[in-house]
């Protein structure tokens, strides 16, 4: 199975489009998104593109994703770009980010069970 792992996209849509256009990524059967997808200049468009990957995408939450959800729910972010990005999100996007798991384990044949997380396996929410 071909797997591509993308992390820390931070709402930079042009960079995401360029990476997804790379032949190795375009050919991947699974694209693992390991967090911090939307907190940046183009959060809505970035999430829309990632959602369009459909079943090929496996999502994992990052700290910036959780921060966006918290900002939408009324907790002020210390980062202006995160506060702004949170205000741009549609309700369906907030629901998506709020429901992401902190970790995913995938059986990858010769590699065996592989753990995907945003930070470290010992990461805890604060």
N, C-alpha and C. Protein backbone atom coordinates (compact mmCIF):
# COMPACT_ATOMS: atom_id res chain seq x y z
N UNK A 1 0.84 -1.18 0.00
CA UNK A 1 0.00 0.00 0.00
C UNK A 1 0.88 1.24 0.00
N UNK A 2 0.59 2.16 -0.88
CA UNK A 2 1.31 3.44 -0.89
C UNK A 2 0.63 4.41 0.06
N UNK A 3 1.44 5.00 0.95
CA UNK A 3 0.92 5.92 1.96
C UNK A 3 1.68 7.23 1.89
N UNK A 4 0.94 8.32 1.92
CA UNK A 4 1.55 9.65 2.03
C UNK A 4 1.11 10.23 3.38
N UNK A 5 2.02 10.89 4.06
CA UNK A 5 1.71 11.49 5.35
C UNK A 5 1.94 12.99 5.23
N UNK A 6 0.89 13.75 5.53
CA UNK A 6 0.96 15.21 5.47
C UNK A 6 0.66 15.76 6.86
N UNK A 7 1.45 16.73 7.27
CA UNK A 7 1.24 17.33 8.59
C UNK A 7 1.52 18.81 8.52
N UNK A 8 0.91 19.54 9.43
CA UNK A 8 1.18 20.98 9.60
C UNK A 8 0.95 21.76 8.30
N UNK A 9 -0.18 21.54 7.70
CA UNK A 9 -0.55 22.26 6.48
C UNK A 9 -0.86 23.72 6.81
N UNK A 10 -1.44 23.95 7.95
CA UNK A 10 -1.73 25.29 8.48
C UNK A 10 -2.43 26.21 7.48
N UNK A 11 -3.40 25.66 6.76
CA UNK A 11 -4.22 26.50 5.89
C UNK A 11 -3.50 27.12 4.72
N UNK A 12 -2.36 26.58 4.34
CA UNK A 12 -1.60 27.12 3.21
C UNK A 12 -2.00 26.32 1.97
N UNK A 13 -3.10 26.72 1.37
CA UNK A 13 -3.69 25.99 0.25
C UNK A 13 -2.75 25.81 -0.93
N UNK A 14 -2.03 26.84 -1.40
CA UNK A 14 -1.16 26.63 -2.56
C UNK A 14 -0.10 25.54 -2.32
N UNK A 15 0.45 25.49 -1.14
CA UNK A 15 1.44 24.45 -0.83
C UNK A 15 0.78 23.08 -0.80
N UNK A 16 -0.41 22.99 -0.24
CA UNK A 16 -1.13 21.72 -0.21
C UNK A 16 -1.44 21.25 -1.63
N UNK A 17 -1.91 22.14 -2.47
CA UNK A 17 -2.20 21.78 -3.86
C UNK A 17 -0.96 21.26 -4.57
N UNK A 18 0.18 21.90 -4.32
CA UNK A 18 1.43 21.47 -4.94
C UNK A 18 1.84 20.08 -4.45
N UNK A 19 1.71 19.83 -3.19
CA UNK A 19 2.08 18.52 -2.64
C UNK A 19 1.14 17.44 -3.17
N UNK A 20 -0.16 17.71 -3.20
CA UNK A 20 -1.10 16.71 -3.69
C UNK A 20 -0.90 16.41 -5.18
N UNK A 21 -0.32 17.35 -5.91
CA UNK A 21 -0.06 17.15 -7.34
C UNK A 21 1.21 16.33 -7.60
N UNK A 22 2.04 16.16 -6.59
CA UNK A 22 3.25 15.36 -6.76
C UNK A 22 2.86 13.92 -7.11
N UNK A 23 3.51 13.32 -8.09
CA UNK A 23 3.12 11.97 -8.53
C UNK A 23 3.07 10.93 -7.41
N UNK A 24 4.01 10.96 -6.50
CA UNK A 24 4.03 9.98 -5.41
C UNK A 24 2.83 10.15 -4.49
N UNK A 25 2.44 11.38 -4.25
CA UNK A 25 1.29 11.64 -3.38
C UNK A 25 0.00 11.35 -4.13
N UNK A 26 -0.07 11.76 -5.38
CA UNK A 26 -1.27 11.50 -6.19
C UNK A 26 -1.54 10.00 -6.31
N UNK A 27 -0.49 9.18 -6.30
CA UNK A 27 -0.64 7.74 -6.44
C UNK A 27 -0.92 7.03 -5.11
N UNK A 28 -0.84 7.73 -4.01
CA UNK A 28 -1.02 7.11 -2.70
C UNK A 28 -2.45 6.60 -2.53
N UNK A 29 -2.55 5.41 -1.98
CA UNK A 29 -3.86 4.83 -1.68
C UNK A 29 -4.43 5.41 -0.39
N UNK A 30 -3.52 5.84 0.48
CA UNK A 30 -3.92 6.40 1.77
C UNK A 30 -3.12 7.68 2.00
N UNK A 31 -3.82 8.74 2.39
CA UNK A 31 -3.15 9.99 2.74
C UNK A 31 -3.50 10.26 4.20
N UNK A 32 -2.49 10.17 5.05
CA UNK A 32 -2.69 10.38 6.48
C UNK A 32 -2.43 11.85 6.77
N UNK A 33 -3.42 12.48 7.37
CA UNK A 33 -3.34 13.90 7.73
C UNK A 33 -3.10 13.97 9.23
N UNK A 34 -1.87 14.29 9.63
CA UNK A 34 -1.51 14.20 11.04
C UNK A 34 -1.57 15.54 11.76
N UNK A 35 -2.60 16.30 11.50
CA UNK A 35 -2.91 17.44 12.33
C UNK A 35 -2.43 18.80 11.86
N UNK A 36 -3.03 19.80 12.47
CA UNK A 36 -2.77 21.21 12.19
C UNK A 36 -3.04 21.55 10.73
N UNK A 37 -4.25 21.23 10.31
CA UNK A 37 -4.61 21.40 8.92
C UNK A 37 -5.04 22.82 8.55
N UNK A 38 -5.81 23.48 9.40
CA UNK A 38 -6.53 24.68 8.95
C UNK A 38 -6.09 26.01 9.56
N UNK A 39 -5.38 26.01 10.64
CA UNK A 39 -5.04 27.27 11.30
C UNK A 39 -4.01 28.03 10.47
N UNK A 40 -4.51 28.88 9.60
CA UNK A 40 -3.65 29.62 8.70
C UNK A 40 -4.48 30.49 7.77
N UNK A 41 -3.89 30.93 6.66
CA UNK A 41 -4.52 31.96 5.81
C UNK A 41 -5.73 31.52 5.00
N UNK A 42 -5.88 30.22 4.71
CA UNK A 42 -7.00 29.76 3.87
C UNK A 42 -7.65 28.53 4.51
N UNK A 43 -8.22 28.68 5.70
CA UNK A 43 -8.71 27.51 6.44
C UNK A 43 -9.88 26.80 5.77
N UNK A 44 -10.84 27.55 5.27
CA UNK A 44 -12.03 26.96 4.68
C UNK A 44 -11.69 26.18 3.41
N UNK A 45 -10.93 26.81 2.54
CA UNK A 45 -10.56 26.18 1.28
C UNK A 45 -9.66 24.96 1.49
N UNK A 46 -8.78 25.05 2.47
CA UNK A 46 -7.89 23.94 2.78
C UNK A 46 -8.68 22.74 3.26
N UNK A 47 -9.60 22.96 4.18
CA UNK A 47 -10.41 21.85 4.67
C UNK A 47 -11.29 21.28 3.56
N UNK A 48 -11.84 22.14 2.71
CA UNK A 48 -12.66 21.64 1.59
C UNK A 48 -11.85 20.72 0.69
N UNK A 49 -10.61 21.09 0.39
CA UNK A 49 -9.77 20.25 -0.46
C UNK A 49 -9.46 18.92 0.23
N UNK A 50 -9.14 18.98 1.52
CA UNK A 50 -8.83 17.75 2.24
C UNK A 50 -10.06 16.83 2.32
N UNK A 51 -11.22 17.39 2.54
CA UNK A 51 -12.45 16.59 2.57
C UNK A 51 -12.70 15.93 1.22
N UNK A 52 -12.33 16.61 0.15
CA UNK A 52 -12.54 16.06 -1.19
C UNK A 52 -11.70 14.81 -1.45
N UNK A 53 -10.72 14.54 -0.61
CA UNK A 53 -9.93 13.31 -0.74
C UNK A 53 -10.74 12.07 -0.38
N UNK A 54 -11.84 12.28 0.30
CA UNK A 54 -12.75 11.19 0.64
C UNK A 54 -12.11 10.11 1.48
N UNK A 55 -12.38 8.86 1.08
CA UNK A 55 -11.91 7.69 1.84
C UNK A 55 -10.40 7.51 1.82
N UNK A 56 -9.73 8.20 0.92
CA UNK A 56 -8.25 8.11 0.87
C UNK A 56 -7.62 8.79 2.08
N UNK A 57 -8.34 9.69 2.73
CA UNK A 57 -7.78 10.47 3.83
C UNK A 57 -8.09 9.83 5.18
N UNK A 58 -7.06 9.79 6.02
CA UNK A 58 -7.19 9.36 7.41
C UNK A 58 -6.76 10.55 8.25
N UNK A 59 -7.64 11.03 9.07
CA UNK A 59 -7.42 12.28 9.80
C UNK A 59 -7.02 12.03 11.24
N UNK A 60 -6.08 12.84 11.73
CA UNK A 60 -5.66 12.84 13.12
C UNK A 60 -5.63 14.30 13.58
N UNK A 61 -6.09 14.55 14.77
CA UNK A 61 -6.15 15.91 15.30
C UNK A 61 -4.78 16.42 15.74
N UNK A 62 -4.57 17.70 15.53
CA UNK A 62 -3.37 18.38 16.04
C UNK A 62 -3.78 19.45 17.04
N UNK A 63 -2.81 19.99 17.73
CA UNK A 63 -3.11 21.01 18.74
C UNK A 63 -3.77 22.24 18.13
N UNK A 64 -3.37 22.64 16.94
CA UNK A 64 -3.98 23.82 16.31
C UNK A 64 -5.41 23.54 15.88
N UNK A 65 -5.72 22.30 15.53
CA UNK A 65 -7.10 21.94 15.19
C UNK A 65 -7.98 22.06 16.42
N UNK A 66 -7.49 21.56 17.54
CA UNK A 66 -8.26 21.66 18.80
C UNK A 66 -8.40 23.12 19.21
N UNK A 67 -7.37 23.91 18.98
CA UNK A 67 -7.44 25.33 19.33
C UNK A 67 -8.49 26.06 18.50
N UNK A 68 -8.63 25.72 17.24
CA UNK A 68 -9.66 26.34 16.40
C UNK A 68 -11.05 26.03 16.96
N UNK A 69 -11.27 24.79 17.32
CA UNK A 69 -12.57 24.41 17.88
C UNK A 69 -12.83 25.18 19.17
N UNK A 70 -11.84 25.27 20.02
CA UNK A 70 -12.00 26.01 21.27
C UNK A 70 -12.30 27.49 21.00
N UNK A 71 -11.65 28.07 20.01
CA UNK A 71 -11.89 29.48 19.67
C UNK A 71 -13.31 29.69 19.17
N UNK A 72 -13.81 28.77 18.37
CA UNK A 72 -15.19 28.87 17.89
C UNK A 72 -16.15 28.80 19.07
N UNK A 73 -15.79 28.03 20.06
CA UNK A 73 -16.65 27.84 21.24
C UNK A 73 -16.46 28.91 22.30
N UNK A 74 -15.66 29.93 21.99
CA UNK A 74 -15.58 31.08 22.88
C UNK A 74 -14.28 31.31 23.62
N UNK A 75 -13.35 30.39 23.54
CA UNK A 75 -12.06 30.58 24.21
C UNK A 75 -11.15 31.37 23.28
N UNK A 76 -10.70 32.51 23.71
CA UNK A 76 -9.84 33.35 22.88
C UNK A 76 -8.48 32.71 22.68
N UNK A 77 -8.05 32.66 21.43
CA UNK A 77 -6.73 32.10 21.12
C UNK A 77 -5.66 33.16 21.34
N UNK A 78 -4.51 32.73 21.78
CA UNK A 78 -3.39 33.67 21.94
C UNK A 78 -2.76 34.02 20.60
N UNK A 79 -3.11 33.28 19.55
CA UNK A 79 -2.56 33.52 18.22
C UNK A 79 -3.62 34.17 17.34
N UNK A 80 -3.32 35.36 16.85
CA UNK A 80 -4.29 36.10 16.05
C UNK A 80 -4.72 35.32 14.82
N UNK A 81 -3.81 34.63 14.17
CA UNK A 81 -4.18 33.89 12.96
C UNK A 81 -5.13 32.75 13.29
N UNK A 82 -4.97 32.12 14.44
CA UNK A 82 -5.88 31.05 14.83
C UNK A 82 -7.26 31.61 15.16
N UNK A 83 -7.28 32.73 15.84
CA UNK A 83 -8.57 33.36 16.16
C UNK A 83 -9.30 33.73 14.87
N UNK A 84 -8.58 34.33 13.94
CA UNK A 84 -9.17 34.72 12.66
C UNK A 84 -9.65 33.48 11.89
N UNK A 85 -8.81 32.46 11.81
CA UNK A 85 -9.16 31.24 11.08
C UNK A 85 -10.40 30.58 11.67
N UNK A 86 -10.49 30.56 12.98
CA UNK A 86 -11.66 29.96 13.64
C UNK A 86 -12.94 30.70 13.24
N UNK A 87 -12.86 32.00 13.10
CA UNK A 87 -14.03 32.79 12.73
C UNK A 87 -14.47 32.55 11.29
N UNK A 88 -13.59 31.98 10.46
CA UNK A 88 -13.90 31.72 9.05
C UNK A 88 -14.62 30.39 8.85
N UNK A 89 -14.41 29.45 9.75
CA UNK A 89 -14.89 28.09 9.56
C UNK A 89 -16.40 27.99 9.53
N UNK A 90 -16.88 27.09 8.68
CA UNK A 90 -18.31 26.76 8.65
C UNK A 90 -18.60 25.78 9.78
N UNK A 91 -19.86 25.65 10.13
CA UNK A 91 -20.25 24.74 11.20
C UNK A 91 -19.83 23.30 10.91
N UNK A 92 -19.98 22.84 9.66
CA UNK A 92 -19.61 21.46 9.33
C UNK A 92 -18.11 21.24 9.51
N UNK A 93 -17.33 22.27 9.28
CA UNK A 93 -15.88 22.15 9.44
C UNK A 93 -15.50 22.09 10.92
N UNK A 94 -16.22 22.83 11.75
CA UNK A 94 -15.98 22.78 13.19
C UNK A 94 -16.32 21.39 13.71
N UNK A 95 -17.44 20.84 13.25
CA UNK A 95 -17.84 19.49 13.66
C UNK A 95 -16.77 18.48 13.24
N UNK A 96 -16.27 18.61 12.03
CA UNK A 96 -15.21 17.72 11.55
C UNK A 96 -13.99 17.78 12.45
N UNK A 97 -13.48 18.98 12.71
CA UNK A 97 -12.28 19.14 13.53
C UNK A 97 -12.51 18.66 14.96
N UNK A 98 -13.68 18.92 15.49
CA UNK A 98 -13.98 18.52 16.87
C UNK A 98 -14.03 17.01 17.03
N UNK A 99 -14.35 16.31 15.95
CA UNK A 99 -14.49 14.87 16.04
C UNK A 99 -13.26 14.06 15.68
N UNK A 100 -12.16 14.73 15.39
CA UNK A 100 -10.95 14.00 14.98
C UNK A 100 -10.31 13.27 16.15
N UNK A 101 -9.81 12.07 15.89
CA UNK A 101 -9.10 11.33 16.95
C UNK A 101 -7.70 11.89 17.15
N UNK A 102 -7.14 11.65 18.31
CA UNK A 102 -5.77 12.08 18.60
C UNK A 102 -4.74 11.12 18.05
N UNK A 103 -5.15 9.92 17.71
CA UNK A 103 -4.23 8.90 17.20
C UNK A 103 -4.98 7.92 16.34
N UNK A 104 -4.25 7.33 15.41
CA UNK A 104 -4.79 6.27 14.56
C UNK A 104 -3.70 5.21 14.40
N UNK A 105 -4.10 3.97 14.41
CA UNK A 105 -3.19 2.86 14.17
C UNK A 105 -3.64 2.18 12.89
N UNK A 106 -2.69 1.97 11.98
CA UNK A 106 -2.99 1.37 10.68
C UNK A 106 -2.04 0.21 10.45
N UNK A 107 -2.58 -0.90 9.97
CA UNK A 107 -1.76 -2.05 9.59
C UNK A 107 -1.21 -1.78 8.20
N UNK A 108 0.12 -1.72 8.08
CA UNK A 108 0.76 -1.37 6.82
C UNK A 108 1.66 -2.50 6.30
N UNK A 109 1.14 -3.69 6.29
CA UNK A 109 1.86 -4.81 5.70
C UNK A 109 3.22 -5.05 6.32
N UNK A 110 4.28 -4.91 5.52
CA UNK A 110 5.64 -5.16 6.01
C UNK A 110 6.03 -4.24 7.16
N UNK A 111 5.45 -3.07 7.21
CA UNK A 111 5.76 -2.15 8.31
C UNK A 111 5.01 -2.51 9.59
N UNK A 112 4.01 -3.35 9.47
CA UNK A 112 3.22 -3.74 10.63
C UNK A 112 2.28 -2.63 11.07
N UNK A 113 1.87 -2.73 12.31
CA UNK A 113 0.99 -1.70 12.87
C UNK A 113 1.79 -0.41 13.01
N UNK A 114 1.23 0.67 12.49
CA UNK A 114 1.91 1.97 12.53
C UNK A 114 1.01 2.98 13.22
N UNK A 115 1.56 3.65 14.20
CA UNK A 115 0.84 4.65 14.96
C UNK A 115 1.06 6.03 14.33
N UNK A 116 -0.04 6.74 14.09
CA UNK A 116 0.04 8.11 13.59
C UNK A 116 -0.53 9.05 14.64
N UNK A 117 0.28 10.05 15.02
CA UNK A 117 -0.13 11.08 15.97
C UNK A 117 0.43 12.41 15.47
N UNK A 118 -0.05 13.50 16.04
CA UNK A 118 0.47 14.80 15.64
C UNK A 118 1.81 15.11 16.31
N UNK A 119 1.91 14.87 17.58
CA UNK A 119 3.13 15.24 18.32
C UNK A 119 3.90 13.99 18.71
N UNK A 120 3.61 13.47 19.87
CA UNK A 120 4.28 12.26 20.34
C UNK A 120 3.22 11.28 20.85
N UNK A 121 3.54 10.00 20.91
CA UNK A 121 2.58 9.03 21.44
C UNK A 121 2.19 9.31 22.89
N UNK A 122 3.03 10.03 23.60
CA UNK A 122 2.74 10.35 25.01
C UNK A 122 1.99 11.66 25.18
N UNK A 123 1.65 12.27 24.05
CA UNK A 123 0.97 13.56 24.08
C UNK A 123 -0.31 13.46 24.90
N UNK A 124 -0.54 14.46 25.72
CA UNK A 124 -1.79 14.55 26.46
C UNK A 124 -2.38 15.93 26.22
N UNK A 125 -3.68 15.98 26.29
CA UNK A 125 -4.35 17.28 26.14
C UNK A 125 -4.12 18.14 27.36
N UNK A 126 -3.95 19.41 27.09
CA UNK A 126 -3.82 20.34 28.22
C UNK A 126 -4.95 21.32 28.17
